[in-house]
N, C-alpha and C. Protein backbone atom coordinates (compact mmCIF):
# COMPACT_ATOMS: atom_id res chain seq x y z
N MET A 1 34.01 160.84 66.67
CA MET A 1 34.45 160.87 65.19
C MET A 1 33.15 159.97 64.62
N ALA A 2 32.52 160.48 63.64
CA ALA A 2 31.37 159.97 63.03
C ALA A 2 31.82 158.92 62.08
N GLY A 3 30.97 157.71 62.05
CA GLY A 3 31.35 156.47 61.23
C GLY A 3 30.75 156.60 59.94
N PRO A 4 30.91 155.70 58.91
CA PRO A 4 30.49 155.93 57.62
C PRO A 4 28.96 156.17 57.58
N THR A 5 28.36 155.42 58.05
CA THR A 5 26.81 155.45 58.01
C THR A 5 26.35 156.68 58.45
N GLN A 6 26.90 157.09 59.49
CA GLN A 6 26.34 158.71 59.92
C GLN A 6 26.71 159.68 58.80
N GLU A 7 28.09 159.50 58.34
CA GLU A 7 28.32 160.43 57.38
C GLU A 7 27.51 160.48 55.92
N LEU A 8 27.26 159.18 55.58
CA LEU A 8 26.30 158.78 54.39
C LEU A 8 24.86 159.65 54.84
N GLY A 9 24.26 159.34 55.98
CA GLY A 9 23.09 159.90 56.42
C GLY A 9 23.26 161.42 55.98
N LYS A 10 24.35 162.05 56.71
CA LYS A 10 24.27 163.61 56.70
C LYS A 10 24.41 164.06 55.33
N LEU A 11 25.10 163.28 54.33
CA LEU A 11 25.12 163.50 52.98
C LEU A 11 23.64 163.36 52.35
N PHE A 12 23.13 162.25 52.62
CA PHE A 12 21.66 162.32 52.12
C PHE A 12 20.92 163.51 52.75
N ILE A 13 20.78 163.79 53.93
CA ILE A 13 20.12 164.76 54.37
C ILE A 13 20.41 166.17 53.57
N ALA A 14 21.72 166.33 53.50
CA ALA A 14 22.15 167.68 52.75
C ALA A 14 21.67 167.74 51.30
N SER A 15 21.95 166.51 50.70
CA SER A 15 21.50 166.49 49.05
C SER A 15 20.12 166.60 49.00
N GLY A 16 19.31 165.94 49.99
CA GLY A 16 17.81 166.08 49.92
C GLY A 16 17.24 167.44 50.00
N PHE A 17 17.94 168.23 51.10
CA PHE A 17 17.46 169.40 50.98
C PHE A 17 17.83 170.44 49.97
N VAL A 18 19.07 170.25 49.29
CA VAL A 18 19.39 171.05 48.17
C VAL A 18 18.51 170.53 46.89
N SER A 19 18.19 169.31 46.69
CA SER A 19 17.49 168.89 45.74
C SER A 19 16.11 169.43 45.91
N SER A 20 15.49 169.52 47.24
CA SER A 20 14.15 169.85 47.41
C SER A 20 13.90 171.37 47.05
N LEU A 21 14.82 172.13 47.46
CA LEU A 21 14.87 173.51 47.11
C LEU A 21 14.93 173.76 45.76
N GLY A 22 15.71 173.05 45.01
CA GLY A 22 16.18 173.17 43.79
C GLY A 22 14.93 172.95 43.03
N VAL A 23 14.32 171.98 43.20
CA VAL A 23 12.98 171.37 42.47
C VAL A 23 11.77 172.39 42.68
N MET A 24 11.89 172.78 44.10
CA MET A 24 10.83 173.81 44.26
C MET A 24 11.01 175.10 43.45
N HIS A 25 12.17 175.26 43.34
CA HIS A 25 12.43 176.75 42.47
C HIS A 25 12.27 176.31 41.11
N MET A 26 12.71 175.28 40.50
CA MET A 26 12.45 175.16 39.26
C MET A 26 11.00 174.96 38.66
N VAL A 27 10.25 174.50 39.46
CA VAL A 27 8.75 174.00 39.22
C VAL A 27 8.18 175.40 38.95
N ILE A 28 8.59 176.53 39.54
CA ILE A 28 8.15 177.95 39.55
C ILE A 28 8.55 178.68 38.35
N VAL A 29 10.08 178.60 38.33
CA VAL A 29 10.60 179.20 37.19
C VAL A 29 10.57 178.42 35.86
N PHE A 30 10.43 177.33 35.63
CA PHE A 30 10.12 176.95 34.41
C PHE A 30 8.67 176.25 34.61
N PRO A 31 7.83 176.63 33.92
CA PRO A 31 6.15 176.02 34.16
C PRO A 31 6.26 174.57 33.92
N ALA A 32 5.63 173.95 35.06
CA ALA A 32 5.58 172.55 35.02
C ALA A 32 4.21 172.14 34.02
N LEU A 33 4.73 170.80 33.55
CA LEU A 33 3.74 170.25 32.97
C LEU A 33 2.38 170.12 34.09
N GLY A 34 1.27 169.96 33.51
CA GLY A 34 0.21 169.99 34.60
C GLY A 34 -0.23 171.13 35.43
N GLY A 35 0.54 172.09 35.17
CA GLY A 35 0.17 173.56 35.90
C GLY A 35 0.26 173.46 37.36
N PHE A 36 -0.87 174.41 37.74
CA PHE A 36 -0.92 174.59 39.26
C PHE A 36 -0.91 173.23 40.16
N LEU A 37 -1.76 172.39 39.55
CA LEU A 37 -1.82 170.80 40.24
C LEU A 37 -0.25 170.42 40.53
N THR A 38 0.21 170.29 39.36
CA THR A 38 1.81 169.63 39.44
C THR A 38 2.77 170.48 40.64
N GLN A 39 2.57 171.84 40.41
CA GLN A 39 3.39 172.68 41.26
C GLN A 39 2.95 172.47 42.54
N GLY A 40 1.64 172.25 43.04
CA GLY A 40 1.37 172.05 44.38
C GLY A 40 1.85 170.63 44.78
N VAL A 41 1.63 169.71 44.05
CA VAL A 41 2.09 168.38 44.44
C VAL A 41 3.34 168.24 44.68
N THR A 42 4.25 168.96 43.72
CA THR A 42 5.81 169.04 43.84
C THR A 42 5.88 169.55 45.18
N TYR A 43 5.33 170.75 45.62
CA TYR A 43 6.01 171.44 46.66
C TYR A 43 5.65 170.41 47.75
N ALA A 44 4.35 169.60 47.92
CA ALA A 44 3.89 168.90 48.83
C ALA A 44 4.87 167.76 49.03
N ILE A 45 5.37 167.27 48.12
CA ILE A 45 6.28 165.90 47.96
C ILE A 45 7.66 166.62 48.58
N CYS A 46 8.28 167.72 48.16
CA CYS A 46 9.30 168.11 48.55
C CYS A 46 9.45 168.51 50.01
N LEU A 47 8.24 169.21 50.44
CA LEU A 47 8.20 169.57 51.79
C LEU A 47 8.12 168.29 52.72
N SER A 48 7.33 167.29 52.22
CA SER A 48 7.19 166.25 53.11
C SER A 48 8.57 165.46 53.28
N MET A 49 9.35 165.47 52.16
CA MET A 49 10.70 164.74 52.33
C MET A 49 11.62 165.64 53.09
N VAL A 50 11.41 166.94 53.07
CA VAL A 50 12.46 167.67 54.22
C VAL A 50 11.94 167.69 55.62
N ALA A 51 10.49 167.38 55.60
CA ALA A 51 9.93 167.22 57.08
C ALA A 51 10.44 165.77 57.78
N ALA A 52 10.29 164.87 56.76
CA ALA A 52 10.78 163.26 57.24
C ALA A 52 12.51 163.49 57.68
N MET A 53 13.06 164.12 56.83
CA MET A 53 14.50 164.14 57.13
C MET A 53 14.75 164.88 58.48
N ILE A 54 14.23 165.96 58.79
CA ILE A 54 14.23 166.82 59.83
C ILE A 54 13.59 165.65 60.93
N LEU A 55 12.79 165.09 60.97
CA LEU A 55 12.34 164.22 61.98
C LEU A 55 13.16 162.92 62.32
N ALA A 56 13.84 162.40 60.91
CA ALA A 56 14.83 161.47 61.16
C ALA A 56 16.16 161.95 61.86
N TYR A 57 16.57 163.00 61.66
CA TYR A 57 17.60 163.79 62.50
C TYR A 57 17.30 163.97 63.75
N ARG A 58 16.08 164.57 63.96
CA ARG A 58 15.74 164.58 65.52
C ARG A 58 15.53 163.40 66.42
N ALA A 59 15.20 162.24 65.42
CA ALA A 59 15.10 160.88 66.26
C ALA A 59 16.44 160.30 66.55
N ILE A 60 17.32 160.43 65.63
CA ILE A 60 18.58 160.13 65.79
C ILE A 60 19.36 160.70 66.71
N ARG A 61 19.17 161.86 66.98
CA ARG A 61 19.91 162.80 68.28
C ARG A 61 19.28 162.36 69.32
N ARG A 62 18.16 161.80 69.26
CA ARG A 62 17.65 161.24 70.67
C ARG A 62 17.73 159.90 70.71
N ARG A 63 18.62 159.35 69.97
CA ARG A 63 19.10 157.82 69.87
C ARG A 63 17.91 156.86 69.68
N GLU A 64 16.85 157.27 68.95
CA GLU A 64 15.68 156.46 68.71
C GLU A 64 15.85 156.07 67.31
N VAL A 65 16.69 154.90 67.08
CA VAL A 65 17.40 154.32 65.75
C VAL A 65 16.21 153.91 64.96
N MET A 66 15.39 153.09 65.53
CA MET A 66 14.08 152.46 64.81
C MET A 66 13.47 153.62 64.24
N LEU A 67 13.02 154.71 65.01
CA LEU A 67 12.27 155.74 64.38
C LEU A 67 13.05 156.40 63.25
N HIS A 68 14.15 156.75 63.73
CA HIS A 68 14.85 157.42 62.64
C HIS A 68 15.01 156.70 61.28
N MET A 69 15.26 155.29 61.28
CA MET A 69 15.22 154.55 59.96
C MET A 69 14.00 154.78 59.19
N ARG A 70 12.84 154.56 60.04
CA ARG A 70 11.59 154.68 59.42
C ARG A 70 11.37 156.02 58.70
N TRP A 71 11.71 157.21 59.50
CA TRP A 71 11.73 158.61 58.76
C TRP A 71 12.54 158.60 57.60
N MET A 72 13.76 157.95 57.81
CA MET A 72 14.56 158.02 56.44
C MET A 72 14.09 157.33 55.31
N ARG A 73 13.59 155.75 55.54
CA ARG A 73 13.17 155.34 54.42
C ARG A 73 12.08 156.22 53.87
N LEU A 74 11.20 156.70 54.69
CA LEU A 74 9.82 157.59 53.88
C LEU A 74 10.59 158.71 53.12
N ALA A 75 11.72 159.43 53.70
CA ALA A 75 12.48 160.61 52.87
C ALA A 75 12.89 159.93 51.59
N PHE A 76 13.47 158.74 51.71
CA PHE A 76 14.16 158.14 50.58
C PHE A 76 12.94 157.91 49.55
N ALA A 77 11.88 157.27 49.92
CA ALA A 77 10.70 156.98 48.92
C ALA A 77 10.18 158.20 48.37
N LEU A 78 9.83 159.36 49.15
CA LEU A 78 9.49 160.57 48.45
C LEU A 78 10.57 161.07 47.44
N GLY A 79 11.96 161.05 47.75
CA GLY A 79 13.06 161.37 46.95
C GLY A 79 12.95 160.59 45.41
N LEU A 80 12.43 159.43 45.78
CA LEU A 80 12.55 158.54 44.42
C LEU A 80 11.46 158.80 43.50
N THR A 81 10.33 159.46 44.03
CA THR A 81 9.02 159.79 43.20
C THR A 81 9.18 159.99 41.84
N VAL A 82 10.14 160.81 41.39
CA VAL A 82 10.14 161.29 39.95
C VAL A 82 10.79 160.07 39.30
N SER A 83 11.82 159.24 39.76
CA SER A 83 12.60 158.38 39.12
C SER A 83 11.39 157.03 38.88
N THR A 84 10.46 157.01 39.78
CA THR A 84 9.71 155.89 39.67
C THR A 84 8.53 156.22 38.76
N ALA A 85 8.24 157.67 38.59
CA ALA A 85 7.24 158.13 37.63
C ALA A 85 7.62 157.99 36.16
N ARG A 86 8.98 158.13 36.14
CA ARG A 86 9.59 157.92 34.92
C ARG A 86 9.26 156.40 34.13
N ILE A 87 9.40 155.40 35.02
CA ILE A 87 8.90 154.19 34.50
C ILE A 87 7.40 154.06 33.98
N TYR A 88 6.72 154.67 34.82
CA TYR A 88 5.16 154.79 34.18
C TYR A 88 5.12 155.72 33.04
N ILE A 89 5.75 156.56 33.12
CA ILE A 89 5.95 157.34 31.79
C ILE A 89 6.22 156.50 30.57
N THR A 90 7.32 155.77 30.68
CA THR A 90 7.81 154.92 29.83
C THR A 90 6.97 153.85 29.11
N LEU A 91 6.32 153.36 30.50
CA LEU A 91 5.11 152.29 30.11
C LEU A 91 4.02 152.81 29.33
N ALA A 92 3.66 154.08 29.41
CA ALA A 92 2.43 154.65 28.95
C ALA A 92 2.76 154.89 27.37
N ASP A 93 4.19 155.55 27.16
CA ASP A 93 4.53 155.83 25.70
C ASP A 93 4.54 154.31 24.99
N THR A 94 5.36 153.29 25.61
CA THR A 94 5.84 152.15 24.92
C THR A 94 4.45 151.10 24.79
N VAL A 95 3.58 150.90 25.78
CA VAL A 95 2.38 150.15 25.53
C VAL A 95 1.24 150.91 25.16
N PHE A 96 1.06 152.04 25.37
CA PHE A 96 -0.41 152.75 25.05
C PHE A 96 0.06 153.88 24.02
N SER A 97 1.20 154.11 23.61
CA SER A 97 1.51 155.40 22.64
C SER A 97 1.06 156.76 23.23
N VAL A 98 0.99 156.96 24.59
CA VAL A 98 0.57 158.04 25.40
C VAL A 98 1.95 159.03 25.41
N PRO A 99 1.76 160.09 24.90
CA PRO A 99 3.06 160.97 25.14
C PRO A 99 3.29 161.38 26.31
N PHE A 100 4.63 161.85 26.63
CA PHE A 100 5.12 162.33 27.92
C PHE A 100 4.15 163.44 28.46
N GLU A 101 3.84 164.48 27.67
CA GLU A 101 2.83 165.30 28.41
C GLU A 101 1.51 165.03 28.80
N GLN A 102 1.02 164.20 28.08
CA GLN A 102 -0.40 163.49 28.56
C GLN A 102 -0.31 162.53 29.87
N SER A 103 1.04 161.77 29.93
CA SER A 103 1.34 160.71 30.98
C SER A 103 1.82 161.48 32.28
N PHE A 104 2.42 162.60 32.09
CA PHE A 104 3.10 163.10 33.22
C PHE A 104 2.62 163.11 34.66
N THR A 105 1.46 163.82 34.63
CA THR A 105 0.63 163.90 35.84
C THR A 105 0.10 162.68 36.78
N ILE A 106 -0.35 161.75 35.79
CA ILE A 106 -0.87 160.38 36.56
C ILE A 106 0.25 159.62 36.79
N ALA A 107 1.37 159.40 35.86
CA ALA A 107 2.68 158.97 35.94
C ALA A 107 3.33 159.32 37.40
N SER A 108 3.36 160.74 37.76
CA SER A 108 3.83 161.23 38.92
C SER A 108 2.90 160.78 39.97
N ALA A 109 1.68 160.67 39.95
CA ALA A 109 0.93 160.20 41.09
C ALA A 109 1.11 158.70 41.30
N LEU A 110 1.14 158.06 40.34
CA LEU A 110 1.30 156.52 40.23
C LEU A 110 3.03 156.13 41.15
N GLY A 111 3.73 157.16 40.60
CA GLY A 111 5.30 156.78 41.22
C GLY A 111 5.08 157.28 42.84
N LEU A 112 4.42 158.24 43.03
CA LEU A 112 4.45 158.48 44.50
C LEU A 112 3.70 157.50 45.31
N ALA A 113 2.53 156.84 44.63
CA ALA A 113 1.48 155.98 45.37
C ALA A 113 2.50 154.50 45.33
N THR A 114 3.36 154.38 44.40
CA THR A 114 4.07 153.24 44.32
C THR A 114 4.97 153.15 45.66
N ASN A 115 5.69 154.23 45.62
CA ASN A 115 6.99 154.49 46.60
C ASN A 115 6.18 154.31 48.13
N LEU A 116 5.12 154.88 48.19
CA LEU A 116 4.48 154.83 49.47
C LEU A 116 4.00 153.50 49.81
N ALA A 117 3.47 152.91 48.87
CA ALA A 117 3.08 151.39 49.04
C ALA A 117 4.13 150.59 49.55
N VAL A 118 5.13 150.56 48.81
CA VAL A 118 6.27 149.75 49.25
C VAL A 118 6.95 150.21 50.63
N VAL A 119 6.96 151.34 51.06
CA VAL A 119 7.38 151.75 52.41
C VAL A 119 6.57 151.13 53.41
N GLY A 120 5.05 151.31 52.94
CA GLY A 120 4.12 151.02 53.87
C GLY A 120 4.23 149.19 54.10
N PHE A 121 4.27 148.76 53.05
CA PHE A 121 4.68 147.31 53.04
C PHE A 121 5.95 146.56 53.95
N GLN A 122 6.86 147.45 53.74
CA GLN A 122 8.03 147.25 54.40
C GLN A 122 7.85 147.49 55.89
N GLU A 123 7.07 148.56 56.24
CA GLU A 123 6.84 148.61 57.64
C GLU A 123 6.02 147.81 58.34
N ARG A 124 4.97 147.36 57.41
CA ARG A 124 4.15 146.30 58.03
C ARG A 124 4.82 144.98 58.20
N ARG A 125 5.72 144.67 57.18
CA ARG A 125 6.54 143.37 57.36
C ARG A 125 7.35 143.38 58.47
N ARG A 126 8.04 144.59 58.87
CA ARG A 126 8.82 144.71 60.12
C ARG A 126 7.99 144.49 61.39
N LYS A 127 6.84 145.11 61.29
CA LYS A 127 6.09 145.09 62.52
C LYS A 127 5.77 143.88 62.94
N ILE A 128 5.24 143.02 61.83
CA ILE A 128 4.91 141.50 61.89
C ILE A 128 6.22 140.88 62.65
N ALA A 129 7.44 140.88 61.81
CA ALA A 129 8.41 140.31 62.27
C ALA A 129 8.90 140.47 63.88
N ARG A 130 8.49 141.88 64.24
CA ARG A 130 8.90 141.89 65.63
C ARG A 130 7.96 141.62 66.48
N SER A 131 6.79 141.28 66.08
CA SER A 131 5.91 140.53 67.00
C SER A 131 5.90 139.28 67.39
């Protein structure tokens, strides 16, 4: 019988797959701000998240818990990119009066960079703590 953590992991992976597929579909059906660049980056983020979740699942099946956790943290960070971008979009509007349409692409890039930097910082800190 699977424990609560296993069930939450499975739920995260399932929702991550559904969300990624949904976003990839929507970015084609509803033209994205930023055009082809935004579509391409969106696909790259979604496919990277799916890949990280697959690798995390494979790692846990091999009982490689630390590797599994690293892949899951990366998947989670990629999944939060849109939410983090919203912070930058709000800041651009509030501080610089830059409208949503003009700040969207840069804010998305900053959201991705921020989340990847946080994951990288955490990984480095964990590595130092293990040393």
